[in-house]
Amino acid sequence: MLKVIPLGVALLLLTTAVHAQSFDSFYKAKKYLTRQITPHDTTIYCSCEIKKQGKKLTPDPAGCGYQPRKPVTRNGKPNVRATRIEWEHIVPAWEFGHQLQCWQNGGRKNCRKISAKFRQMEADIHNLAPAIGEINADRSNFRFGLLPHTPYQHGACDVKIDFKQRIIEPPYYARKQIAQAYFYMHKTYGLKLSKRQRRLFSLWAE
């Protein structure tokens, strides 16, 4: 089935002027990207169109077939993350943060406080993509891979997540974007990639 190209793909193909746009905080980067949303932009994992209401971004599940894996929380309240758009780090902050000394001495909070490099990595728009909040939460810091025997759990959304193996299989149309983000972070910040990641992302980049 043909899919609309997600916003994240367009972000990786920005003009030179926008490519040079950089931020010193994740908050500023998210605020900037939210302003760039236009009609027919879609989420990275489900290709759901994004509705913009002022500063608020919400997914349109009717057009993409997304269904929440957990419509209600453990407390019996509606799962609000299933109804909003969040800015997903393709390379998780946990993954690149763990390669910095600041993370070893206090985690993400400490890195934000003392590491200019971490703040720049966390706010780099080339590693950010719009995602439905629930899927962003389900993905957590799981690594990408293939899950041929894992069922879909989010309606017609073409994403698979194995919580025991801590692996996420993205839709076919998003794989090149994901590979480009990883190689960009490797080239720009020295992100270390395993041999398995290099092999997988080299295939996806093609």
Protein backbone atom coordinates (compact mmCIF):
# COMPACT_ATOMS: atom_id res chain seq x y z
CA MET A 1 0.00 0.00 0.00
CA LEU A 2 1.37 3.41 -0.93
CA LYS A 3 2.07 5.72 1.95
CA VAL A 4 2.40 9.46 2.24
CA ILE A 5 6.02 10.43 2.91
CA PRO A 6 6.33 11.29 6.61
CA LEU A 7 7.39 14.73 7.72
CA GLY A 8 10.66 13.31 9.03
CA VAL A 9 11.78 12.39 5.52
CA ALA A 10 11.29 15.97 4.44
CA LEU A 11 13.26 17.16 7.45
CA LEU A 12 16.25 15.13 6.30
CA LEU A 13 16.06 16.78 2.89
CA LEU A 14 15.95 20.38 4.07
CA THR A 15 17.61 23.21 2.21
CA THR A 16 21.07 24.36 3.25
CA ALA A 17 19.67 27.32 5.18
CA VAL A 18 17.33 25.21 7.27
CA HIS A 19 19.93 22.45 7.56
CA ALA A 20 22.07 24.94 9.45
CA GLN A 21 19.24 25.59 11.93
CA SER A 22 20.36 24.37 15.34
CA PHE A 23 19.01 24.65 18.86
CA ASP A 24 20.43 24.45 22.36
CA SER A 25 17.37 22.83 23.93
CA PHE A 26 14.90 20.08 23.07
CA TYR A 27 12.05 22.42 23.97
CA LYS A 28 13.12 25.01 21.40
CA ALA A 29 13.55 22.34 18.72
CA LYS A 30 10.06 20.94 19.35
CA LYS A 31 8.55 24.41 19.28
CA TYR A 32 10.25 25.13 15.95
CA LEU A 33 9.20 21.83 14.37
CA THR A 34 5.61 22.22 15.52
CA ARG A 35 5.45 25.50 13.60
CA GLN A 36 6.65 23.72 10.45
CA ILE A 37 3.75 21.26 10.37
CA THR A 38 1.64 21.70 7.25
CA PRO A 39 -1.50 19.97 5.96
CA HIS A 40 -0.95 16.32 4.98
CA ASP A 41 2.22 15.91 7.06
CA THR A 42 2.17 12.46 8.63
CA THR A 43 3.59 10.53 11.58
CA ILE A 44 6.71 8.42 11.19
CA TYR A 45 5.31 5.05 12.27
CA CYS A 46 1.65 5.04 11.25
CA SER A 47 1.53 7.61 8.46
CA CYS A 48 -1.39 9.28 10.23
CA GLU A 49 -2.11 12.79 9.06
CA ILE A 50 -1.41 15.43 11.67
CA LYS A 51 -4.04 17.95 12.68
CA LYS A 52 -2.81 21.30 13.95
CA GLN A 53 -4.87 23.34 16.39
CA GLY A 54 -2.79 26.29 17.49
CA LYS A 55 0.20 24.79 19.29
CA LYS A 56 -1.51 21.42 19.70
CA LEU A 57 -0.85 18.51 17.32
CA THR A 58 -3.16 15.49 17.15
CA PRO A 59 -3.23 12.41 14.89
CA ASP A 60 -6.12 11.59 12.57
CA PRO A 61 -6.68 7.87 13.25
CA ALA A 62 -9.60 7.62 10.81
CA GLY A 63 -7.29 8.01 7.83
CA CYS A 64 -4.57 5.58 8.91
CA GLY A 65 -6.40 2.93 10.90
CA TYR A 66 -4.48 3.49 14.13
CA GLN A 67 -6.08 2.03 17.23
CA PRO A 68 -4.59 2.50 20.70
CA ARG A 69 -2.98 -0.59 22.17
CA LYS A 70 -4.24 0.60 25.55
CA PRO A 71 -7.20 3.00 25.22
CA VAL A 72 -7.23 3.49 28.99
CA THR A 73 -4.46 3.62 31.58
CA ARG A 74 -4.06 1.38 34.60
CA ASN A 75 -5.96 3.98 36.58
CA GLY A 76 -8.93 3.66 34.24
CA LYS A 77 -8.39 7.06 32.67
CA PRO A 78 -8.27 7.71 28.90
CA ASN A 79 -4.81 7.27 27.44
CA VAL A 80 -4.11 10.87 26.45
CA ARG A 81 -0.84 9.93 24.73
CA ALA A 82 -2.89 8.03 22.15
CA THR A 83 -4.51 11.31 21.11
CA ARG A 84 -1.50 13.58 20.76
CA ILE A 85 1.61 13.97 18.63
CA GLU A 86 5.03 13.89 20.30
CA TRP A 87 8.49 14.49 18.87
CA GLU A 88 10.27 11.15 18.79
CA HIS A 89 14.04 10.78 18.93
CA ILE A 90 14.82 8.27 16.18
CA VAL A 91 18.11 7.57 17.93
CA PRO A 92 16.83 7.53 21.52
CA ALA A 93 18.30 10.00 23.99
CA TRP A 94 19.12 6.97 26.14
CA GLU A 95 21.23 5.50 23.32
CA PHE A 96 23.37 8.53 22.55
CA GLY A 97 23.32 9.74 26.15
CA HIS A 98 24.76 6.47 27.44
CA GLN A 99 27.84 7.11 25.33
CA LEU A 100 28.60 10.31 27.27
CA GLN A 101 30.21 10.54 30.70
CA CYS A 102 27.54 12.93 31.97
CA TRP A 103 24.93 10.16 31.70
CA GLN A 104 26.98 7.85 33.90
CA ASN A 105 26.96 10.52 36.61
CA GLY A 106 23.29 11.40 36.70
CA GLY A 107 21.42 10.38 33.56
CA ARG A 108 19.50 12.65 31.25
CA LYS A 109 18.91 15.35 33.83
CA ASN A 110 22.62 15.70 34.52
CA CYS A 111 23.52 15.69 30.82
CA ARG A 112 21.07 18.50 30.14
CA LYS A 113 22.63 20.48 32.96
CA ILE A 114 26.33 20.10 32.21
CA SER A 115 26.82 18.86 28.62
CA ALA A 116 26.46 21.26 25.69
CA LYS A 117 27.06 18.33 23.35
CA PHE A 118 24.16 16.37 24.81
CA ARG A 119 21.84 19.38 24.58
CA GLN A 120 22.78 19.82 20.94
CA MET A 121 22.23 16.13 20.19
CA GLU A 122 18.92 16.07 22.02
CA ALA A 123 17.72 19.13 20.08
CA ASP A 124 18.99 18.13 16.63
CA ILE A 125 15.99 18.26 14.31
CA HIS A 126 17.53 15.69 11.96
CA ASN A 127 16.94 13.08 14.65
CA LEU A 128 13.37 14.10 15.45
CA ALA A 129 10.13 12.93 13.87
CA PRO A 130 6.45 13.27 14.78
CA ALA A 131 4.92 10.16 16.32
CA ILE A 132 1.71 9.24 18.10
CA GLY A 133 2.41 9.57 21.80
CA GLU A 134 1.41 6.02 22.71
CA ILE A 135 3.78 4.55 20.13
CA ASN A 136 6.54 6.88 21.27
CA ALA A 137 5.98 5.53 24.78
CA ASP A 138 5.80 1.90 23.62
CA ARG A 139 8.98 2.29 21.59
CA SER A 140 10.80 3.61 24.68
CA ASN A 141 14.52 3.21 23.97
CA PHE A 142 14.13 -0.09 22.08
CA ARG A 143 16.44 -0.76 19.16
CA PHE A 144 15.25 -1.25 15.61
CA GLY A 145 15.12 -4.69 14.04
CA LEU A 146 12.90 -7.16 12.20
CA LEU A 147 10.10 -9.07 13.91
CA PRO A 148 8.61 -11.49 11.36
CA HIS A 149 6.58 -13.43 13.94
CA THR A 150 5.36 -10.51 16.06
CA PRO A 151 1.72 -9.39 15.56
CA TYR A 152 0.62 -5.82 15.03
CA GLN A 153 -0.83 -4.25 18.16
CA HIS A 154 -1.90 -0.76 17.08
CA GLY A 155 -4.72 -1.44 14.63
CA ALA A 156 -3.69 -0.93 11.00
CA CYS A 157 -0.50 0.89 12.04
CA ASP A 158 2.45 -0.89 10.37
CA VAL A 159 4.69 -1.03 13.41
CA LYS A 160 5.62 -4.04 15.55
CA ILE A 161 7.03 -3.96 19.06
CA ASP A 162 8.39 -6.87 21.07
CA PHE A 163 8.50 -5.74 24.68
CA LYS A 164 10.44 -8.78 25.89
CA GLN A 165 13.18 -8.50 23.27
CA ARG A 166 13.02 -4.69 23.42
CA ILE A 167 12.92 -4.40 19.63
CA ILE A 168 10.76 -2.30 17.31
CA GLU A 169 10.14 -3.03 13.64
CA PRO A 170 9.19 0.18 11.80
CA PRO A 171 7.07 0.35 8.65
CA TYR A 172 8.91 -0.28 5.40
CA TYR A 173 8.44 3.31 4.22
CA ALA A 174 10.14 4.74 7.34
CA ARG A 175 13.28 2.58 7.29
CA LYS A 176 15.40 4.76 5.02
CA GLN A 177 14.65 7.81 7.16
CA ILE A 178 15.64 5.89 10.28
CA ALA A 179 18.89 4.68 8.73
CA GLN A 180 19.75 8.19 7.57
CA ALA A 181 19.17 9.56 11.06
CA TYR A 182 21.50 6.99 12.62
CA PHE A 183 24.25 7.58 10.09
CA TYR A 184 23.81 11.35 10.48
CA MET A 185 24.23 11.10 14.25
CA HIS A 186 27.25 8.86 13.76
CA LYS A 187 28.90 11.29 11.35
CA THR A 188 27.98 14.46 13.23
CA TYR A 189 28.49 13.43 16.85
CA GLY A 190 30.51 10.23 16.71
CA LEU A 191 27.60 7.99 17.74
CA LYS A 192 28.89 4.45 18.09
CA LEU A 193 27.06 1.83 16.04
CA SER A 194 27.30 -1.91 16.47
CA LYS A 195 28.12 -4.17 13.52
CA ARG A 196 24.53 -5.40 13.53
CA GLN A 197 23.22 -1.84 13.36
CA ARG A 198 25.60 -0.95 10.53
CA ARG A 199 24.50 -3.94 8.48
CA LEU A 200 20.81 -3.33 9.08
CA PHE A 201 20.89 0.41 8.43
CA SER A 202 23.05 0.00 5.33
CA LEU A 203 20.32 -2.19 3.86
CA TRP A 204 17.60 0.21 4.92
CA ALA A 205 19.49 3.22 3.54
CA GLU A 206 19.31 1.69 0.07
